[in-house]
Amino acid sequence: MTEDTSTAPAVQAAVTAAGGARPDRAAVPGRYRSWIPGWGLITTKHLELRKRRGLMVVAVLLTVGLPVLVLGIRLLFHVADPKSYGPAGSPSVFQFLCQPMAEFGFIIAATLGATAGTTDLTDGMFRHLVITGRSRLALYLARIPAGLAIVLPLVAVAFAIVCLVTSFAGTPQPASVGVNGISVPPHLSQAQLKSWILQHPRQYDQAFAHGGPQVGPAPGRIPVSRSASSRPVIDRDIATIYGAYTSDEAGQLNPPVNEMVKIGLWLELDIGTGFLVGLGVGSLIGQRTVSIVLMIVFQIIVTPILAAHVIPYFINGQRVVLGIAMDQLRPAGLAGGGAGGPGHVLFGGRGVLNIPPMPTWAMITVIAGWIVGWSVIGAWRMATRDA
């Protein structure tokens, strides 16, 4: 009986790709059945993703390249004509850059995740990896640290650049918050703002009630009562007033270090979640292009539509959407200019979308559910896929 050597090179290459194991040891039954991925397997999957140079170039340009380009141009203009062009860093620029970093970062992470979930199928290596006896669960789990090791450092570098320019090449910190021409002390809590309103009723009327009766709601605000003479009226409207105050404060004050840390952690969570969801979707569908298109449509079309208005009798269904839960977790430093009501949650943020806030435990459950749910679905599909 002769041995079939036609598949020997492919099996040997698959064994090497599965973590650098020696071919003579790969044939030992059960030797590589552990569901915990080894370091060699993780580094191999990491290398497979990095070798996709087109994807890496796009990822770098949309994460690191965007803030470098915007801030670099602003720095050059300020150096050339300081009187006409202000400093490169400002609270408005900080928020302006963080928003697309979150959006593009999620899409890039989901794209990378979908690529990681389908690369063995598209390259024709999945069958040979299974032949080696390597645990399919280990093959899936190895992709998680391999992909996160690419996207998370890119976002960290980009955000660090934005923070450094905002801190060292930005505008001086103002001593007060300007609200419709009225100077209001900064960094007030809701109780402190309420006390200030009771002591300055006229300033309240001009700052938050716009100096006269409201015909309709101002852009981005909910109309509040003009009368500041009644304590019950203040008690009733204080949540909306405080939401308008924090929105103006976030757009005018440089975020402190602790707020920058919160924003950075929020960005990393958003991008990491995008990668894990993309990995699960890619593993389930098995086609990279379809998975990427679905993730893009979900992020830039479906989520904004569901977040724009409250659908009667479907509010809890809207809250299950990942983007809405992540928006409620959004730190206060990124909430400037939003129309959503105040909702103090885990990071002290307030959402900018038009969905009423959910309880903190529900928000955490939704985010964890998306991470765990899609990871389980992706691992299950890889474990049951025909080799």
Protein backbone atom coordinates (compact mmCIF):
# COMPACT_ATOMS: atom_id res chain seq x y z
CA MET A 1 0.00 0.00 0.00
CA THR A 2 1.61 3.27 -1.13
CA GLU A 3 1.26 6.59 0.65
CA ASP A 4 -0.44 9.43 -1.25
CA THR A 5 2.10 12.23 -1.35
CA SER A 6 0.08 14.62 -3.51
CA THR A 7 -1.25 16.55 -0.52
CA ALA A 8 1.91 16.37 1.57
CA PRO A 9 3.19 19.87 0.70
CA ALA A 10 -0.20 21.42 1.41
CA VAL A 11 -0.50 19.63 4.73
CA GLN A 12 3.02 20.65 5.72
CA ALA A 13 2.26 24.29 4.82
CA ALA A 14 -0.97 24.14 6.78
CA VAL A 15 0.80 22.75 9.81
CA THR A 16 3.30 25.56 9.62
CA ALA A 17 0.50 28.13 9.28
CA ALA A 18 -1.24 26.60 12.25
CA GLY A 19 1.47 27.75 14.55
CA GLY A 20 4.83 26.63 13.30
CA ALA A 21 4.43 23.01 14.46
CA ARG A 22 6.65 20.30 13.01
CA PRO A 23 4.89 18.04 10.44
CA ASP A 24 5.97 14.83 12.14
CA ARG A 25 4.31 15.96 15.38
CA ALA A 26 1.12 17.19 13.72
CA ALA A 27 0.00 13.65 13.01
CA VAL A 28 -0.10 12.71 16.68
CA PRO A 29 -3.82 12.33 17.57
CA GLY A 30 -5.12 14.92 20.02
CA ARG A 31 -1.82 16.75 20.32
CA TYR A 32 -3.23 20.04 19.00
CA ARG A 33 -6.83 19.68 20.14
CA SER A 34 -6.56 22.39 22.80
CA TRP A 35 -9.08 25.18 22.27
CA ILE A 36 -6.58 27.74 23.60
CA PRO A 37 -4.60 29.23 20.68
CA GLY A 38 -0.84 29.16 21.01
CA TRP A 39 1.44 32.12 20.48
CA GLY A 40 2.66 30.73 17.16
CA LEU A 41 -0.88 30.47 15.82
CA ILE A 42 -1.71 34.02 16.92
CA THR A 43 1.41 35.51 15.31
CA THR A 44 0.70 33.59 12.11
CA LYS A 45 -2.82 35.01 11.86
CA HIS A 46 -1.45 38.45 12.69
CA LEU A 47 1.05 38.14 9.85
CA GLU A 48 -1.65 36.98 7.43
CA LEU A 49 -3.62 40.17 8.08
CA ARG A 50 -0.59 42.46 7.89
CA LYS A 51 0.39 40.97 4.53
CA ARG A 52 -2.81 42.36 3.02
CA ARG A 53 -1.10 45.62 2.20
CA GLY A 54 -4.03 47.29 0.49
CA LEU A 55 -6.21 46.83 3.56
CA MET A 56 -3.41 47.99 5.86
CA VAL A 57 -2.83 51.14 3.82
CA VAL A 58 -6.52 52.06 3.93
CA ALA A 59 -6.66 51.35 7.66
CA VAL A 60 -3.67 53.61 8.37
CA LEU A 61 -4.97 56.41 6.13
CA LEU A 62 -8.45 56.47 7.66
CA THR A 63 -7.28 56.23 11.27
CA VAL A 64 -3.89 57.91 11.60
CA GLY A 65 -3.83 59.77 8.29
CA LEU A 66 -7.04 61.74 8.86
CA PRO A 67 -5.99 63.57 12.07
CA VAL A 68 -2.43 64.03 10.80
CA LEU A 69 -3.70 65.67 7.60
CA VAL A 70 -6.25 67.95 9.28
CA LEU A 71 -4.00 69.03 12.14
CA GLY A 72 -0.96 69.37 9.89
CA ILE A 73 -2.80 71.76 7.57
CA ARG A 74 -4.08 73.79 10.51
CA LEU A 75 -0.57 73.99 11.97
CA LEU A 76 0.87 75.21 8.68
CA PHE A 77 -1.84 77.83 8.23
CA HIS A 78 -1.39 79.08 11.78
CA VAL A 79 2.39 79.36 11.35
CA ALA A 80 1.99 81.19 8.02
CA ASP A 81 -0.70 83.63 9.21
CA PRO A 82 -1.42 83.51 12.97
CA LYS A 83 -3.79 86.49 12.81
CA SER A 84 -6.12 84.91 10.27
CA TYR A 85 -5.88 81.30 11.40
CA GLY A 86 -6.21 80.23 15.00
CA PRO A 87 -4.25 77.51 16.79
CA ALA A 88 -4.37 74.01 15.35
CA GLY A 89 -5.98 72.49 18.41
CA SER A 90 -9.35 73.60 19.77
CA PRO A 91 -12.35 71.90 21.43
CA SER A 92 -14.33 72.07 18.20
CA VAL A 93 -11.51 70.47 16.20
CA PHE A 94 -11.08 67.83 18.90
CA GLN A 95 -14.75 66.83 18.61
CA PHE A 96 -14.70 67.16 14.83
CA LEU A 97 -11.85 64.63 14.57
CA CYS A 98 -13.09 62.19 17.21
CA GLN A 99 -16.44 61.69 15.48
CA PRO A 100 -15.07 60.44 12.11
CA MET A 101 -12.37 58.50 13.95
CA ALA A 102 -15.15 56.55 15.67
CA GLU A 103 -17.18 56.07 12.47
CA PHE A 104 -14.29 55.18 10.14
CA GLY A 105 -12.59 53.20 12.88
CA PHE A 106 -15.66 51.00 13.37
CA ILE A 107 -15.95 50.36 9.63
CA ILE A 108 -12.22 49.62 9.26
CA ALA A 109 -12.30 47.31 12.29
CA ALA A 110 -15.37 45.49 10.94
CA THR A 111 -13.67 45.15 7.55
CA LEU A 112 -10.56 43.72 9.17
CA GLY A 113 -12.71 41.37 11.26
CA ALA A 114 -14.61 40.14 8.21
CA THR A 115 -11.30 39.60 6.43
CA ALA A 116 -9.91 37.63 9.38
CA GLY A 117 -13.05 35.49 9.49
CA THR A 118 -12.91 34.53 5.81
CA THR A 119 -9.21 34.55 4.92
CA ASP A 120 -8.72 30.78 5.27
CA LEU A 121 -11.77 30.10 3.10
CA THR A 122 -10.80 32.55 0.36
CA ASP A 123 -7.19 31.30 0.35
CA GLY A 124 -8.27 27.66 0.27
CA MET A 125 -6.40 26.83 3.47
CA PHE A 126 -9.27 25.96 5.80
CA ARG A 127 -9.40 22.28 4.83
CA HIS A 128 -5.66 21.84 5.25
CA LEU A 129 -5.72 23.56 8.66
CA VAL A 130 -8.43 21.14 9.78
CA ILE A 131 -6.38 18.17 8.57
CA THR A 132 -3.58 19.09 10.96
CA GLY A 133 -5.87 18.33 13.90
CA ARG A 134 -5.80 21.88 15.21
CA SER A 135 -8.88 22.79 17.25
CA ARG A 136 -11.30 24.85 15.18
CA LEU A 137 -12.15 26.92 18.24
CA ALA A 138 -8.47 27.74 18.63
CA LEU A 139 -8.35 28.76 14.98
CA TYR A 140 -11.19 31.21 15.59
CA LEU A 141 -9.94 32.56 18.92
CA ALA A 142 -6.47 33.19 17.49
CA ARG A 143 -7.95 35.75 15.12
CA ILE A 144 -9.19 37.94 18.00
CA PRO A 145 -5.83 39.04 19.49
CA ALA A 146 -4.26 38.97 16.02
CA GLY A 147 -6.74 41.52 14.66
CA LEU A 148 -7.05 43.65 17.78
CA ALA A 149 -3.27 43.99 17.84
CA ILE A 150 -3.59 45.88 14.54
CA VAL A 151 -6.61 48.14 14.95
CA LEU A 152 -6.30 49.15 18.61
CA PRO A 153 -2.73 50.54 18.37
CA LEU A 154 -3.67 52.50 15.23
CA VAL A 155 -6.56 54.18 17.03
CA ALA A 156 -4.38 54.82 20.08
CA VAL A 157 -1.72 56.56 17.97
CA ALA A 158 -4.30 58.67 16.13
CA PHE A 159 -6.05 59.73 19.33
CA ALA A 160 -2.74 60.48 21.06
CA ILE A 161 -1.86 62.87 18.20
CA VAL A 162 -5.20 64.67 18.58
CA CYS A 163 -4.75 64.97 22.37
CA LEU A 164 -1.18 66.27 22.10
CA VAL A 165 -2.09 68.94 19.55
CA THR A 166 -5.17 69.97 21.56
CA SER A 167 -3.12 70.24 24.76
CA PHE A 168 0.05 71.91 23.48
CA ALA A 169 -1.04 73.71 20.30
CA GLY A 170 -4.57 74.69 21.21
CA THR A 171 -6.47 77.68 22.48
CA PRO A 172 -6.13 78.88 26.09
CA GLN A 173 -8.72 77.49 28.45
CA PRO A 174 -11.58 80.05 28.80
CA ALA A 175 -12.61 81.15 32.28
CA SER A 176 -16.33 80.78 31.57
CA VAL A 177 -18.82 79.15 29.24
CA GLY A 178 -20.60 81.44 26.81
CA VAL A 179 -24.30 80.58 26.43
CA ASN A 180 -26.13 83.00 24.11
CA GLY A 181 -23.83 85.83 25.13
CA ILE A 182 -24.05 85.13 28.86
CA SER A 183 -20.99 83.99 30.81
CA VAL A 184 -21.74 80.95 32.95
CA PRO A 185 -19.17 79.40 35.31
CA PRO A 186 -17.64 76.21 33.88
CA HIS A 187 -17.58 72.71 35.35
CA LEU A 188 -20.88 73.06 37.22
CA SER A 189 -22.82 70.03 38.32
CA GLN A 190 -26.58 69.97 37.81
CA ALA A 191 -27.15 71.05 41.42
CA GLN A 192 -24.60 73.86 41.13
CA LEU A 193 -26.15 75.09 37.87
CA LYS A 194 -29.56 75.09 39.53
CA SER A 195 -28.19 77.20 42.38
CA TRP A 196 -26.62 79.64 39.89
CA ILE A 197 -29.94 79.99 38.03
CA LEU A 198 -31.82 80.81 41.20
CA GLN A 199 -29.27 83.50 41.99
CA HIS A 200 -29.22 84.96 38.43
CA PRO A 201 -32.77 84.81 37.01
CA ARG A 202 -32.20 87.47 34.33
CA GLN A 203 -29.06 85.79 33.02
CA TYR A 204 -30.99 82.54 32.94
CA ASP A 205 -33.72 84.06 30.77
CA GLN A 206 -31.23 85.30 28.18
CA ALA A 207 -28.91 82.31 28.27
CA PHE A 208 -31.33 79.39 28.23
CA ALA A 209 -34.72 80.88 27.27
CA HIS A 210 -33.20 83.09 24.52
CA GLY A 211 -34.47 86.36 25.97
CA GLY A 212 -38.11 85.98 25.00
CA PRO A 213 -41.01 83.64 24.35
CA GLN A 214 -40.24 80.64 22.18
CA VAL A 215 -42.12 80.26 18.91
CA GLY A 216 -40.52 76.90 18.25
CA PRO A 217 -37.60 74.85 19.50
CA ALA A 218 -34.17 76.27 18.77
CA PRO A 219 -31.86 74.11 16.66
CA GLY A 220 -30.46 71.30 18.79
CA ARG A 221 -32.39 72.32 21.91
CA ILE A 222 -35.64 71.56 23.69
CA PRO A 223 -37.58 74.70 24.67
CA VAL A 224 -37.65 75.43 28.39
CA SER A 225 -39.78 77.72 30.47
CA ARG A 226 -38.72 81.39 30.42
CA SER A 227 -39.81 82.07 33.97
CA ALA A 228 -37.06 81.63 36.54
CA SER A 229 -39.07 83.02 39.41
CA SER A 230 -40.73 79.76 40.38
CA ARG A 231 -38.75 77.01 42.06
CA PRO A 232 -41.06 74.25 40.70
CA VAL A 233 -40.45 75.49 37.16
CA ILE A 234 -36.70 75.27 37.67
CA ASP A 235 -37.03 71.79 39.16
CA ARG A 236 -39.07 70.70 36.15
CA ASP A 237 -36.73 72.06 33.47
CA ILE A 238 -33.33 71.60 35.09
CA ALA A 239 -32.49 68.37 33.25
CA THR A 240 -33.03 70.00 29.85
CA ILE A 241 -31.22 73.16 30.94
CA TYR A 242 -28.25 71.16 32.15
CA GLY A 243 -28.15 69.26 28.87
CA ALA A 244 -27.88 72.54 26.94
CA TYR A 245 -25.22 73.79 29.34
CA THR A 246 -23.04 70.67 29.06
CA SER A 247 -23.37 70.75 25.27
CA ASP A 248 -22.04 74.33 25.10
CA GLU A 249 -19.37 73.53 27.67
CA ALA A 250 -18.07 70.55 25.69
CA GLY A 251 -17.81 72.69 22.56
CA GLN A 252 -15.89 75.54 24.23
CA LEU A 253 -13.62 74.03 26.89
CA ASN A 254 -10.53 71.95 26.25
CA PRO A 255 -11.25 68.47 27.64
CA PRO A 256 -9.24 67.68 30.78
CA VAL A 257 -6.89 64.72 30.94
CA ASN A 258 -9.39 62.44 32.67
CA GLU A 259 -11.99 63.22 29.99
CA MET A 260 -9.46 62.47 27.25
CA VAL A 261 -8.78 59.11 28.88
CA LYS A 262 -12.51 58.32 28.93
CA ILE A 263 -12.87 59.29 25.28
CA GLY A 264 -9.85 57.19 24.34
CA LEU A 265 -11.24 54.15 26.15
CA TRP A 266 -14.62 54.69 24.50
CA LEU A 267 -12.99 54.81 21.06
CA GLU A 268 -11.03 51.64 21.75
CA LEU A 269 -14.20 49.86 22.90
CA ASP A 270 -16.09 51.03 19.82
CA ILE A 271 -13.36 49.89 17.44
CA GLY A 272 -12.77 46.61 19.30
CA THR A 273 -16.49 45.83 19.22
CA GLY A 274 -16.59 46.55 15.50
CA PHE A 275 -13.79 44.06 14.89
CA LEU A 276 -15.42 41.30 16.96
CA VAL A 277 -18.80 41.78 15.27
CA GLY A 278 -17.18 41.84 11.84
CA LEU A 279 -15.25 38.67 12.68
CA GLY A 280 -18.42 36.88 13.72
CA VAL A 281 -20.38 38.04 10.66
CA GLY A 282 -17.53 37.07 8.32
CA SER A 283 -17.21 33.62 9.87
CA LEU A 284 -20.98 33.08 9.65
CA ILE A 285 -21.42 34.18 6.03
CA GLY A 286 -18.06 32.99 4.72
CA GLN A 287 -17.81 35.76 2.12
CA ARG A 288 -15.74 38.83 2.87
CA THR A 289 -17.38 41.25 0.43
CA VAL A 290 -20.93 40.48 1.54
CA SER A 291 -19.94 40.76 5.20
CA ILE A 292 -18.24 44.13 4.70
CA VAL A 293 -21.20 45.54 2.77
CA LEU A 294 -23.62 44.42 5.48
CA MET A 295 -21.51 46.02 8.22
CA ILE A 296 -21.22 49.32 6.32
CA VAL A 297 -24.96 49.44 5.63
CA PHE A 298 -25.69 48.66 9.27
CA GLN A 299 -23.34 51.37 10.56
CA ILE A 300 -24.09 54.31 8.26
CA ILE A 301 -27.71 53.64 7.21
CA VAL A 302 -29.64 51.35 9.57
CA THR A 303 -28.31 52.70 12.88
CA PRO A 304 -28.87 56.42 12.06
CA ILE A 305 -32.40 55.69 10.85
CA LEU A 306 -33.32 53.80 14.01
CA ALA A 307 -31.65 56.45 16.18
CA ALA A 308 -33.27 59.46 14.52
CA HIS A 309 -36.80 59.02 15.89
CA VAL A 310 -38.58 57.02 18.54
CA ILE A 311 -40.70 54.35 16.88
CA PRO A 312 -43.91 53.78 18.90
CA TYR A 313 -44.01 50.43 20.68
CA PHE A 314 -40.52 49.59 19.36
CA ILE A 315 -38.31 51.69 21.61
CA ASN A 316 -36.79 48.62 23.30
CA GLY A 317 -36.05 47.13 19.90
CA GLN A 318 -34.22 50.30 18.91
CA ARG A 319 -32.18 50.20 22.10
CA VAL A 320 -30.90 46.73 21.20
CA VAL A 321 -28.92 48.29 18.31
CA LEU A 322 -25.22 48.42 19.14
CA GLY A 323 -24.69 51.98 17.90
CA ILE A 324 -27.44 53.36 20.14
CA ALA A 325 -26.01 51.65 23.23
CA MET A 326 -22.52 52.90 22.37
CA ASP A 327 -23.90 56.41 21.90
CA GLN A 328 -25.31 56.43 25.40
CA LEU A 329 -21.90 55.36 26.69
CA ARG A 330 -20.35 58.29 24.82
CA PRO A 331 -18.30 60.49 27.22
CA ALA A 332 -19.51 64.01 27.89
CA GLY A 333 -16.55 65.50 25.98
CA LEU A 334 -18.00 64.17 22.73
CA ALA A 335 -21.60 65.20 23.37
CA GLY A 336 -21.31 68.83 22.33
CA GLY A 337 -23.88 70.02 19.83
CA GLY A 338 -26.13 67.02 20.26
CA ALA A 339 -29.89 67.09 20.34
CA GLY A 340 -30.35 64.19 22.71
CA GLY A 341 -31.42 64.65 26.27
CA PRO A 342 -29.03 64.28 29.18
CA GLY A 343 -28.42 60.79 30.42
CA HIS A 344 -25.71 60.36 33.02
CA VAL A 345 -24.43 56.83 32.60
CA LEU A 346 -21.27 54.84 33.21
CA PHE A 347 -18.82 57.42 31.87
CA GLY A 348 -20.90 60.48 32.76
CA GLY A 349 -21.82 61.01 29.13
CA ARG A 350 -24.92 62.17 27.36
CA GLY A 351 -26.04 60.70 24.06
CA VAL A 352 -26.26 62.82 20.94
CA LEU A 353 -28.92 60.67 19.31
CA ASN A 354 -32.65 61.09 19.79
CA ILE A 355 -33.31 57.91 21.74
CA PRO A 356 -34.23 58.28 25.43
CA PRO A 357 -31.50 56.84 27.64
CA MET A 358 -31.77 53.29 28.88
CA PRO A 359 -30.65 52.05 32.31
CA THR A 360 -26.93 51.56 32.69
CA TRP A 361 -27.28 47.82 33.22
CA ALA A 362 -29.29 47.52 30.00
CA MET A 363 -26.69 49.50 28.03
CA ILE A 364 -23.86 47.28 29.30
CA THR A 365 -25.95 44.16 28.56
CA VAL A 366 -26.54 45.25 24.96
CA ILE A 367 -22.86 45.93 24.29
CA ALA A 368 -21.73 42.71 25.99
CA GLY A 369 -24.45 40.80 24.16
CA TRP A 370 -23.20 41.94 20.77
CA ILE A 371 -19.61 41.02 21.65
CA VAL A 372 -20.36 37.63 23.18
CA GLY A 373 -23.21 36.78 20.83
CA TRP A 374 -21.34 37.31 17.58
CA SER A 375 -18.21 35.66 18.97
CA VAL A 376 -20.23 32.56 19.84
CA ILE A 377 -21.97 32.56 16.44
CA GLY A 378 -18.68 32.92 14.59
CA ALA A 379 -16.96 30.20 16.60
CA TRP A 380 -19.94 27.87 16.18
CA ARG A 381 -19.97 28.37 12.40
CA MET A 382 -16.26 27.66 12.14
CA ALA A 383 -16.63 24.55 14.27
CA THR A 384 -19.48 23.18 12.12
CA ARG A 385 -18.30 24.27 8.67
CA ASP A 386 -17.53 21.53 6.17
CA ALA A 387 -13.81 21.30 5.58
